[in-house]
Each structure stands twice: as structure tokens, then as C-alpha cells.
Amino acid sequence: MMLLMISEHEEDRFLKNLGLRVRQLRRAHGWSQEKLAQQCGLHRTYIGGVERGERNISAVNLLKIATTFDIFIGDLFLDVEGVQ
């Protein structure tokens, strides 16, 4: 069994790229951060933190965001650097 080590830099880069993907989807819907937050039951400042890569977002909140965008949760990771 191989232990995979991910550096803090790689974690930060992954979260920033995931946040950019959420921002891309939000803008494609023409929504503000506040509108997305209302639609998925999260706080506006939380959405802002996700988009800036400052939040290590939980699986449940990823599901809420994906459901709000009417996409599969895996689609949130399309074109996100660091996802294999």
C-alpha cells in the first residue's frame, strides 16, 4: 500500500482551483454570491470563501452546490487542476 502525501501548497492550489470552478458555474448562471448562497442554503460569506479557496469545503456542502447547479457532484471537479 502506497501512502500518498499531499503538500500544503498542493492543497491550497486544489482549493483555489475548485473555488474558481464554483465561481465559473455561478457566473454562467448569472448569479451573485448571495443568490447562490440563498439557493443552496449556505451563507454568502461562506460562498465567497469557497470561491477564494479559503474553505476546505465539506462533501455535504459540495453536494448542496452541485444540486443547486443541477449537476453531478463530480462535475464540480471538471477541469480542476490537481484532480486525477
Protein backbone atom coordinates (compact mmCIF):
# COMPACT_ATOMS: atom_id res chain seq x y z
CA MET A 1 0.00 0.00 0.00
CA MET A 2 1.39 3.37 -1.02
CA LEU A 3 0.83 6.37 1.21
CA LEU A 4 0.02 9.49 -0.79
CA MET A 5 1.41 12.68 0.64
CA ILE A 6 -0.07 15.98 -0.47
CA SER A 7 1.76 19.15 0.42
CA GLU A 8 0.04 22.16 1.92
CA HIS A 9 0.85 24.04 -1.29
CA GLU A 10 -0.94 21.37 -3.36
CA GLU A 11 -3.95 21.51 -1.02
CA ASP A 12 -4.11 25.29 -1.33
CA ARG A 13 -3.84 25.13 -5.13
CA PHE A 14 -6.58 22.49 -5.30
CA LEU A 15 -8.95 24.56 -3.15
CA LYS A 16 -8.26 27.70 -5.20
CA ASN A 17 -8.95 25.84 -8.45
CA LEU A 18 -12.13 24.28 -7.05
CA GLY A 19 -13.23 27.75 -5.97
CA LEU A 20 -12.60 29.09 -9.47
CA ARG A 21 -14.79 26.28 -10.84
CA VAL A 22 -17.62 27.21 -8.46
CA ARG A 23 -17.24 30.88 -9.48
CA GLN A 24 -17.29 29.90 -13.17
CA LEU A 25 -20.53 27.94 -12.72
CA ARG A 26 -22.12 30.71 -10.66
CA ARG A 27 -21.31 33.34 -13.25
CA ALA A 28 -22.57 31.06 -16.05
CA HIS A 29 -25.93 31.09 -14.23
CA GLY A 30 -25.78 34.87 -13.90
CA TRP A 31 -25.98 34.66 -10.12
CA SER A 32 -24.37 36.75 -7.42
CA GLN A 33 -22.69 35.03 -4.48
CA GLU A 34 -25.71 35.99 -2.42
CA LYS A 35 -28.11 34.35 -4.89
CA LEU A 36 -26.07 31.11 -4.97
CA ALA A 37 -25.91 31.10 -1.17
CA GLN A 38 -29.69 31.53 -0.90
CA GLN A 39 -30.31 28.79 -3.46
CA CYS A 40 -28.17 26.21 -1.66
CA GLY A 41 -28.82 27.23 1.95
CA LEU A 42 -25.33 28.50 2.74
CA HIS A 43 -24.11 31.91 3.87
CA ARG A 44 -22.84 34.44 1.31
CA THR A 45 -19.51 34.83 3.09
CA TYR A 46 -19.06 31.04 3.03
CA ILE A 47 -19.56 31.00 -0.76
CA GLY A 48 -17.03 33.84 -1.06
CA GLY A 49 -14.53 31.84 0.99
CA VAL A 50 -15.06 28.77 -1.18
CA GLU A 51 -14.54 30.80 -4.35
CA ARG A 52 -11.31 32.27 -2.98
CA GLY A 53 -10.06 28.82 -1.97
CA GLU A 54 -10.11 29.72 1.72
CA ARG A 55 -12.57 27.00 2.77
CA ASN A 56 -11.92 23.27 2.91
CA ILE A 57 -15.48 22.58 1.82
CA SER A 58 -17.30 19.52 3.17
CA ALA A 59 -18.78 16.80 0.99
CA VAL A 60 -22.28 17.80 2.13
CA ASN A 61 -21.76 21.41 1.04
CA LEU A 62 -20.28 20.25 -2.28
CA LEU A 63 -23.46 18.23 -2.77
CA LYS A 64 -25.63 21.26 -1.97
CA ILE A 65 -23.77 23.39 -4.51
CA ALA A 66 -23.84 20.70 -7.20
CA THR A 67 -27.55 20.11 -6.65
CA THR A 68 -28.21 23.84 -6.90
CA PHE A 69 -26.39 23.93 -10.24
CA ASP A 70 -28.30 20.76 -11.29
CA ILE A 71 -25.07 18.87 -12.00
CA PHE A 72 -23.44 15.73 -10.67
CA ILE A 73 -21.06 16.36 -7.77
CA GLY A 74 -18.18 15.05 -9.90
CA ASP A 75 -18.85 17.80 -12.44
CA LEU A 76 -17.62 20.31 -9.87
CA PHE A 77 -14.15 18.82 -10.39
CA LEU A 78 -14.08 19.04 -14.19
CA ASP A 79 -11.01 21.00 -15.27
CA VAL A 80 -9.87 21.45 -11.67
CA GLU A 81 -6.07 21.15 -11.57
CA GLY A 82 -4.92 18.58 -9.05
CA VAL A 83 -7.80 16.15 -9.64
CA GLN A 84 -6.72 12.82 -11.08
